Protein backbone atom coordinates (compact mmCIF):
# COMPACT_ATOMS: atom_id res chain seq x y z
CA MET A 1 -17.86 -9.40 11.68
CA GLN A 2 -19.17 -8.44 8.15
CA TYR A 3 -18.10 -9.80 4.99
CA ARG A 4 -17.80 -8.75 1.26
CA SER A 5 -17.34 -10.94 -1.61
CA ASP A 6 -14.34 -11.78 -3.88
CA ARG A 7 -14.76 -12.42 -7.47
CA HIS A 8 -16.05 -16.00 -7.04
CA GLY A 9 -18.43 -15.07 -4.27
CA GLU A 10 -16.65 -16.21 -1.46
CA PRO A 11 -16.82 -14.11 1.73
CA ILE A 12 -13.90 -11.89 2.93
CA SER A 13 -13.93 -10.26 6.18
CA LEU A 14 -13.98 -6.42 6.29
CA LEU A 15 -11.10 -6.55 8.61
CA GLY A 16 -7.93 -8.56 7.49
CA PHE A 17 -5.18 -9.37 9.83
CA GLY A 18 -1.90 -7.70 8.73
CA CYS A 19 0.94 -10.04 9.79
CA MET A 20 3.86 -7.64 9.21
CA ARG A 21 3.86 -6.21 12.72
CA PHE A 22 3.57 -9.18 15.11
CA ARG A 23 4.76 -8.25 18.55
CA ARG A 24 8.50 -9.08 19.00
CA SER A 25 10.21 -10.50 21.98
CA GLY A 26 14.00 -10.35 21.92
CA ALA A 27 15.31 -10.97 18.36
CA GLY A 28 12.18 -12.61 16.93
CA ILE A 29 8.37 -12.68 16.98
CA ASP A 30 6.49 -13.51 20.15
CA GLN A 31 4.89 -16.63 18.93
CA GLU A 32 2.84 -17.30 22.05
CA GLU A 33 1.28 -13.85 21.74
CA ALA A 34 0.88 -14.09 18.01
CA ASP A 35 -1.10 -17.41 18.49
CA ARG A 36 -3.27 -15.98 21.05
CA GLU A 37 -4.15 -13.00 18.78
CA ILE A 38 -4.65 -15.13 15.58
CA ARG A 39 -6.97 -17.45 17.44
CA ARG A 40 -8.94 -14.54 18.92
CA ALA A 41 -9.29 -12.90 15.44
CA ILE A 42 -10.61 -16.15 13.93
CA GLU A 43 -13.10 -16.36 16.89
CA LEU A 44 -14.16 -12.94 16.03
CA GLY A 45 -14.69 -13.81 12.39
CA VAL A 46 -11.58 -12.37 10.72
CA ASN A 47 -10.75 -14.69 7.73
CA TYR A 48 -8.10 -12.93 5.71
CA PHE A 49 -4.52 -12.93 6.93
CA ASP A 50 -1.83 -11.18 4.94
CA THR A 51 1.90 -11.74 5.11
CA ALA A 52 4.77 -11.49 2.60
CA TYR A 53 8.18 -13.38 1.94
CA ILE A 54 10.14 -10.34 3.14
CA TYR A 55 8.32 -9.78 6.48
CA PRO A 56 11.01 -11.24 8.85
CA GLY A 57 9.54 -14.55 10.40
CA SER A 58 5.92 -13.61 9.59
CA GLU A 59 4.98 -16.52 7.10
CA ALA A 60 6.59 -19.00 9.62
CA CYS A 61 4.74 -17.55 12.55
CA LEU A 62 1.42 -17.74 10.79
CA GLY A 63 2.02 -21.12 9.43
CA GLU A 64 2.94 -22.43 12.98
CA ALA A 65 -0.03 -20.78 14.69
CA LEU A 66 -2.62 -22.20 12.03
CA SER A 67 -1.18 -25.65 11.88
CA ARG A 68 -0.86 -26.17 15.64
CA ASP A 69 -4.41 -25.47 16.32
CA GLY A 70 -5.99 -26.92 13.06
CA LEU A 71 -7.16 -23.46 11.97
CA ARG A 72 -5.86 -23.49 8.39
CA ASP A 73 -9.12 -24.38 6.73
CA ARG A 74 -11.00 -21.61 8.43
CA VAL A 75 -8.96 -18.77 7.01
CA ASN A 76 -7.53 -17.42 3.82
CA ILE A 77 -3.82 -16.90 3.53
CA ALA A 78 -2.47 -14.06 1.37
CA THR A 79 1.19 -13.85 0.69
CA LYS A 80 3.49 -12.15 -1.93
CA LEU A 81 5.94 -13.24 -4.63
CA PRO A 82 9.09 -11.11 -4.15
CA GLN A 83 9.13 -10.13 -7.76
CA TYR A 84 11.97 -7.65 -7.27
CA LEU A 85 14.26 -10.60 -6.28
CA ILE A 86 13.22 -12.70 -9.37
CA LYS A 87 16.18 -13.04 -11.96
CA ASP A 88 15.08 -16.17 -13.53
CA ALA A 89 12.02 -18.45 -14.35
CA ALA A 90 13.31 -21.12 -11.79
CA ALA A 91 13.37 -18.47 -9.08
CA ILE A 92 9.56 -17.98 -9.20
CA ASP A 93 8.97 -21.49 -8.19
CA ARG A 94 11.77 -21.54 -5.77
CA TYR A 95 10.33 -18.65 -3.76
CA PHE A 96 6.76 -20.10 -3.88
CA SER A 97 7.93 -23.57 -2.63
CA GLU A 98 9.58 -21.99 0.24
CA GLU A 99 6.59 -19.86 1.12
CA LEU A 100 4.36 -23.08 1.12
CA LYS A 101 6.94 -24.74 3.44
CA ARG A 102 7.00 -21.74 5.95
CA LEU A 103 3.18 -21.59 5.90
CA ARG A 104 2.90 -25.26 6.37
CA THR A 105 0.13 -25.38 3.64
CA ASP A 106 -0.24 -26.87 0.22
CA HIS A 107 -1.93 -23.79 -1.36
CA VAL A 108 -2.27 -19.97 -0.97
CA ASP A 109 -5.72 -18.47 -1.30
CA TYR A 110 -4.63 -15.09 -2.34
CA TYR A 111 -1.20 -14.75 -4.05
CA LEU A 112 0.19 -11.29 -5.07
CA MET A 113 2.97 -9.90 -7.09
CA HIS A 114 4.51 -7.91 -4.33
CA MET A 115 4.99 -4.08 -4.71
CA LEU A 116 4.63 -3.52 -8.23
CA THR A 117 5.43 0.06 -8.82
CA ASP A 118 5.54 0.13 -12.77
CA ILE A 119 4.24 -1.94 -15.67
CA ALA A 120 7.82 -2.82 -16.31
CA ALA A 121 8.02 -4.96 -13.37
CA TRP A 122 5.09 -7.00 -14.71
CA ARG A 123 6.44 -7.09 -18.18
CA LYS A 124 9.81 -8.62 -16.79
CA LEU A 125 7.81 -11.28 -15.15
CA GLU A 126 5.79 -11.94 -18.22
CA ALA A 127 9.20 -12.52 -20.18
CA LEU A 128 10.10 -15.29 -17.51
CA GLY A 129 6.91 -16.96 -18.31
CA ILE A 130 4.62 -15.78 -15.15
CA ARG A 131 1.39 -16.23 -17.07
CA GLU A 132 2.02 -19.91 -17.67
CA TRP A 133 3.40 -20.32 -14.11
CA ILE A 134 0.09 -18.89 -12.77
CA ARG A 135 -2.15 -20.90 -15.03
CA GLU A 136 -0.33 -24.08 -13.91
CA LYS A 137 -0.57 -23.10 -10.27
CA LYS A 138 -4.18 -22.28 -10.47
CA ASN A 139 -5.09 -25.35 -12.32
CA SER A 140 -3.28 -27.51 -9.64
CA GLY A 141 -5.07 -25.60 -6.77
CA ALA A 142 -1.76 -24.37 -5.43
CA ILE A 143 -3.07 -20.82 -5.94
CA ARG A 144 -6.64 -19.84 -5.87
CA ASN A 145 -6.57 -16.15 -6.53
CA ILE A 146 -3.97 -14.11 -8.23
CA GLY A 147 -3.42 -10.39 -7.66
CA PHE A 148 -0.76 -7.61 -7.02
CA SER A 149 0.07 -5.00 -4.34
CA PHE A 150 0.78 -1.51 -5.63
CA HIS A 151 2.80 1.50 -4.87
CA GLY A 152 2.82 4.05 -7.57
CA ASN A 153 0.48 6.64 -9.13
CA THR A 154 -3.09 6.38 -10.54
CA ALA A 155 -2.03 6.15 -14.17
CA LEU A 156 0.46 3.42 -13.59
CA PHE A 157 -2.18 1.58 -11.44
CA LEU A 158 -4.55 1.70 -14.22
CA GLN A 159 -1.88 0.28 -16.71
CA ILE A 160 -1.38 -2.62 -14.38
CA LEU A 161 -5.04 -3.40 -14.13
CA ASP A 162 -5.18 -3.54 -17.76
CA ALA A 163 -2.10 -5.83 -18.06
CA TYR A 164 -3.86 -9.05 -16.73
CA ASP A 165 -7.17 -10.45 -15.73
CA TRP A 166 -6.60 -9.99 -12.10
CA ASP A 167 -8.56 -11.69 -9.29
CA PHE A 168 -7.92 -8.88 -6.66
CA CYS A 169 -5.46 -6.13 -5.81
CA GLN A 170 -4.00 -4.31 -2.83
CA ILE A 171 -3.57 -0.70 -2.69
CA GLN A 172 -2.34 1.90 0.06
CA TYR A 173 -5.56 4.05 0.53
CA ASN A 174 -6.59 6.37 3.48
CA TYR A 175 -8.08 9.66 3.88
CA MET A 176 -4.84 11.42 3.22
CA ASP A 177 -4.16 9.38 0.09
CA GLU A 178 -7.56 10.03 -1.59
CA VAL A 179 -5.79 11.46 -4.76
CA SER A 180 -2.49 9.94 -4.67
CA GLN A 181 -1.09 6.38 -5.07
CA ALA A 182 -3.99 4.57 -6.69
CA GLY A 183 -6.44 6.84 -5.05
CA ARG A 184 -10.14 6.92 -5.16
CA LYS A 185 -10.14 6.91 -8.88
CA GLY A 186 -8.28 3.65 -8.94
CA LEU A 187 -10.22 2.19 -6.24
CA GLN A 188 -13.48 2.62 -8.22
CA GLU A 189 -12.16 1.67 -11.56
CA ALA A 190 -10.96 -1.77 -10.01
CA ALA A 191 -14.52 -2.12 -8.35
CA ARG A 192 -15.99 -1.27 -11.73
CA ARG A 193 -14.37 -4.10 -13.39
CA GLY A 194 -15.32 -6.39 -10.39
CA ILE A 195 -11.89 -6.51 -8.90
CA PRO A 196 -11.95 -6.85 -5.04
CA VAL A 197 -9.61 -4.15 -3.37
CA ILE A 198 -7.66 -4.91 -0.36
CA ILE A 199 -6.57 -1.82 1.59
CA MET A 200 -3.13 -1.41 3.28
CA GLU A 201 -1.76 1.41 5.32
CA PRO A 202 -5.34 2.73 6.35
CA LEU A 203 -3.83 4.68 9.23
CA ARG A 204 -0.47 5.35 7.39
CA GLY A 205 1.29 3.00 9.62
CA GLY A 206 -0.46 4.45 12.75
CA LYS A 207 0.52 8.18 11.96
CA LEU A 208 -3.21 9.22 11.49
CA VAL A 209 -3.41 8.14 15.06
CA SER A 210 -0.16 8.97 16.91
CA MET A 211 1.20 11.89 14.78
CA LEU A 212 -1.73 14.08 14.25
CA PRO A 213 -1.18 17.95 14.79
CA GLU A 214 -3.00 19.23 17.88
CA LYS A 215 -5.70 21.09 15.64
CA ALA A 216 -6.65 17.73 14.09
CA LYS A 217 -6.79 16.05 17.50
CA ALA A 218 -9.04 18.84 18.69
CA VAL A 219 -11.37 18.46 15.77
CA ILE A 220 -11.68 14.65 16.43
CA ALA A 221 -12.18 15.22 20.13
CA ALA A 222 -15.10 17.47 19.42
CA ASP A 223 -16.88 14.53 17.59
CA PRO A 224 -20.39 14.11 18.95
CA LYS A 225 -20.10 10.39 17.97
CA ARG A 226 -17.03 10.04 20.16
CA ARG A 227 -15.15 8.17 17.59
CA SER A 228 -11.27 7.78 18.02
CA PRO A 229 -8.81 8.86 15.26
CA ALA A 230 -8.50 5.16 14.20
CA GLU A 231 -12.31 4.50 14.16
CA LEU A 232 -13.01 7.69 12.06
CA ALA A 233 -10.34 6.52 9.54
CA LEU A 234 -11.47 2.98 9.46
CA ARG A 235 -15.12 4.05 9.00
CA TRP A 236 -14.17 6.44 6.26
CA LEU A 237 -12.54 3.30 4.25
CA TRP A 238 -15.48 0.83 5.20
CA GLU A 239 -18.39 3.22 4.33
CA GLN A 240 -17.12 2.95 0.60
CA PRO A 241 -18.57 -0.15 -0.83
CA GLU A 242 -15.77 -0.55 -3.22
CA VAL A 243 -13.35 -1.44 -0.32
CA THR A 244 -13.49 -5.21 0.16
CA CYS A 245 -11.17 -5.64 3.14
CA VAL A 246 -8.97 -3.23 5.18
CA LEU A 247 -5.69 -4.63 6.62
CA SER A 248 -4.75 -3.82 10.23
CA GLY A 249 -1.26 -4.46 11.66
CA MET A 250 -2.94 -5.57 14.91
CA ASN A 251 -0.39 -6.36 17.70
CA SER A 252 -2.42 -6.05 20.87
CA MET A 253 -5.65 -7.72 21.95
CA GLU A 254 -7.26 -4.25 22.67
CA MET A 255 -6.58 -3.19 19.08
CA LEU A 256 -8.01 -6.41 17.84
CA GLU A 257 -11.16 -6.30 19.85
CA GLU A 258 -11.76 -2.71 18.93
CA ASN A 259 -11.23 -3.09 15.21
CA CYS A 260 -13.46 -6.18 15.07
CA ARG A 261 -16.16 -4.14 16.83
CA ILE A 262 -16.11 -1.45 14.35
CA ALA A 263 -16.04 -3.91 11.42
CA SER A 264 -19.26 -5.51 12.87
CA GLN A 265 -21.03 -2.20 13.11
CA VAL A 266 -20.21 -0.04 10.03
CA GLN A 267 -22.51 0.39 7.09
CA PRO A 268 -21.96 1.53 3.35
CA HIS A 269 -22.65 5.03 2.76
CA GLU A 270 -23.05 5.70 6.56
CA PHE A 271 -21.04 9.08 6.40
CA GLY A 272 -23.31 12.15 6.39
CA GLY A 273 -22.48 15.77 5.63
CA GLU A 274 -21.09 16.28 9.07
CA ASP A 275 -18.88 13.26 8.98
CA ARG A 276 -17.36 14.51 5.69
CA GLN A 277 -16.86 17.82 7.12
CA MET A 278 -15.00 16.37 9.93
CA ILE A 279 -12.52 14.66 7.70
CA ASP A 280 -12.24 17.62 5.53
CA SER A 281 -11.36 19.65 8.79
CA VAL A 282 -8.94 16.97 9.91
CA ARG A 283 -7.36 16.96 6.53
CA GLN A 284 -6.98 20.67 6.45
CA ALA A 285 -5.34 20.61 9.76
CA ILE A 286 -2.85 18.27 8.56
CA ASN A 287 -2.22 20.08 5.33
CA GLU A 288 -1.58 23.29 7.29
CA LYS A 289 1.74 21.61 8.56
CA LEU A 290 2.61 20.89 4.77
CA MET A 291 5.73 22.22 3.07
CA ILE A 292 3.65 22.97 -0.12
CA ASN A 293 -0.12 22.78 -0.05
CA CYS A 294 -0.40 20.80 -3.16
CA THR A 295 -3.80 19.04 -3.53
CA GLY A 296 -2.72 16.40 -5.99
CA CYS A 297 -5.18 17.61 -8.71
CA SER A 298 -2.44 16.98 -11.33
CA TYR A 299 -3.51 19.90 -13.43
CA CYS A 300 0.20 20.39 -13.86
CA MET A 301 0.57 17.08 -15.52
CA PRO A 302 1.80 15.73 -17.80
CA CYS A 303 5.22 17.28 -17.38
CA PRO A 304 7.05 17.44 -20.73
CA GLN A 305 10.29 16.24 -18.90
CA GLY A 306 8.41 13.40 -17.12
CA VAL A 307 8.51 14.79 -13.51
CA ASP A 308 6.09 13.50 -11.23
CA ILE A 309 5.18 16.56 -9.73
CA PRO A 310 2.28 15.60 -7.51
CA GLY A 311 4.08 12.45 -6.14
CA THR A 312 7.21 14.50 -5.54
CA PHE A 313 5.28 17.13 -3.35
CA ARG A 314 3.28 14.55 -1.45
CA CYS A 315 6.54 12.74 -0.47
CA TYR A 316 8.18 16.17 0.32
CA ASN A 317 5.09 16.85 2.61
CA GLU A 318 5.50 13.51 4.12
CA MET A 319 8.87 14.54 5.41
CA SER A 320 7.40 17.21 7.58
CA MET A 321 4.28 15.52 8.44
CA GLU A 322 5.70 12.29 9.45
CA SER A 323 9.56 12.08 9.21
CA ARG A 324 12.37 12.66 6.75
CA GLN A 325 12.88 8.81 6.32
CA ALA A 326 9.31 8.15 5.69
CA GLY A 327 9.13 10.95 2.80
CA ARG A 328 12.31 9.54 1.28
CA HIS A 329 11.28 6.04 1.42
CA GLU A 330 7.98 6.87 -0.15
CA TYR A 331 9.78 8.93 -2.85
CA SER A 332 12.10 5.94 -3.57
CA GLN A 333 9.17 3.72 -4.07
CA VAL A 334 6.83 5.80 -5.91
CA VAL A 335 9.09 8.18 -7.95
CA CYS A 336 12.71 6.90 -8.23
CA LEU A 337 12.10 3.21 -8.77
CA ARG A 338 9.80 3.34 -11.67
CA GLU A 339 11.30 2.14 -15.00
CA LYS A 340 11.02 5.72 -15.99
CA PRO A 341 11.61 7.67 -13.06
CA GLY A 342 9.80 11.14 -12.40
CA LEU A 343 12.46 12.83 -10.67
CA ALA A 344 12.56 16.38 -9.52
CA SER A 345 15.90 16.83 -10.91
CA GLN A 346 14.58 16.34 -14.44
CA CYS A 347 12.73 19.85 -14.20
CA ILE A 348 14.22 22.27 -16.80
CA GLY A 349 12.00 25.10 -15.55
CA CYS A 350 9.87 25.51 -18.65
CA GLY A 351 6.91 26.91 -16.49
CA ARG A 352 4.24 24.69 -18.06
CA CYS A 353 3.15 23.53 -14.76
CA GLU A 354 3.03 26.84 -13.14
CA ARG A 355 0.72 28.15 -15.91
CA HIS A 356 -1.78 25.30 -15.30
CA CYS A 357 -1.80 25.15 -11.50
CA PRO A 358 -5.19 26.37 -10.22
CA GLN A 359 -3.48 27.25 -6.75
CA HIS A 360 -0.61 29.18 -8.52
CA LEU A 361 2.10 27.39 -6.57
CA PRO A 362 5.73 28.14 -6.91
CA ILE A 363 6.28 24.66 -8.59
CA ILE A 364 9.70 25.05 -10.21
CA GLU A 365 11.40 26.47 -6.96
CA THR A 366 9.74 24.09 -4.81
CA LEU A 367 10.88 21.04 -6.87
CA LYS A 368 14.48 22.14 -6.53
CA LYS A 369 13.98 22.14 -2.68
CA ALA A 370 12.10 18.90 -2.68
CA GLY A 371 14.63 17.20 -4.90
CA ARG A 372 17.59 18.21 -2.53
CA ALA A 373 15.59 17.15 0.54
CA LEU A 374 14.09 13.86 -0.75
CA THR A 375 17.59 12.56 -2.28
CA PRO A 376 20.46 13.86 -0.34
CA TRP A 377 23.83 12.91 -1.89
CA TYR A 378 24.31 9.80 0.39
CA TYR A 379 21.02 8.30 -1.04
CA ARG A 380 21.71 8.48 -4.61
CA PRO A 381 24.14 5.78 -4.83
CA VAL A 382 21.82 3.38 -2.98
CA LEU A 383 18.95 4.34 -5.40
CA GLY A 384 21.28 3.53 -8.17
CA VAL A 385 22.09 0.13 -7.01
CA MET A 386 18.23 -0.45 -6.27
CA ARG A 387 17.51 0.48 -9.85
CA TRP A 388 20.32 -1.52 -11.26
CA TRP A 389 18.78 -4.65 -9.25
CA LEU A 390 15.32 -3.84 -10.75
CA TYR A 391 16.18 -2.97 -14.33
CA GLY A 392 19.75 -4.01 -15.00
CA ARG A 393 22.71 -1.97 -16.11
CA LYS A 394 21.10 -0.09 -18.81
CA ALA A 395 18.44 1.54 -16.87
CA SER A 396 20.76 2.24 -13.85
CA GLY A 397 23.24 4.10 -16.07
CA ALA A 398 20.66 6.16 -17.66
CA LYS A 399 20.82 9.76 -16.66
CA ASN A 400 22.20 8.76 -13.15
CA ALA A 401 18.55 7.97 -12.24
CA ALA A 402 19.16 8.23 -8.58
CA ALA A 403 20.22 11.82 -8.62
CA GLY A 404 16.89 13.27 -7.38
CA GLY A 405 18.29 16.74 -6.43
CA LYS A 406 21.17 18.76 -7.90
């Protein structure tokens, strides 16, 4: 196993164990199998284990495995405050105390504000005294590093980076998200500030392995280095020195052994021209299946009406590439549930975006189709309730914010 450093010079394994996808048996997690995989991961040098309050049974499973075998002091635990559930200051400490109990520990090495999609979520926590709370927990040793996990666009990511002196952050990043979500720009800006970056969804939930179109599979099959789809995607991440750790939801011993092998061999800047061409060819093969060939360049932005055009099109494409549910889930996270949503239905057809689009895409018409597809009528009440939960009655009432298509 190889390691990169956090802000304090402490080693973090290139491969992190994502604990959301422990193997399940019947109604719950297969604790015996999880114990076996956790032990083996530690033997192979993995020292970063990522879980969260809302992952069913995950914190308790990890805590039991580490305490039973006396492994707690050999690993870093990362878990997350469910900030979207917080309604008052007392709830912050209540959730954290429950997490410590589940994890059977007196401290968390890396603690994240879970799923910040907008600076407004952080401002809400600030109003509840989160800065003072963090200071007290760090001074007592109950929290060693503070960070956030992010789903949103690059501009919002940069705003959140500016909002606090973060010890680390966690972003969705892979070769298909290079110019979306926080993107390469966000990754490099965090690294420039000396903020370690933890990567989630390196394979888009396995879809860059199991849901590749045939043309993309053929490109990878012709690789003279005989790398699998998973290995190619992981090496694409690890060869970027700005990436500190890549999380993998490993739920088989074979997957664990293989990922550890790759993490032990990869080198920064190891990709040559042929490797990058292969990634480009795979990406192009995937893009050929898209609803609209938007590259996410953002020349169409900013929209005078606040529509997140690249974000909407990326989620629309995800419906055809992955599944309708996946695209709609991403749209709800990245576009609908921001304090100021960037909904397709906000478009008034002014045409500014189409005049600036270097690919001359039919943006206005496609936004109408995308809005209808991404937020069918039965989604809108649910999104309205979620916005009310996040921002209160004032935000949920504004513009019927859940109405993504008309």
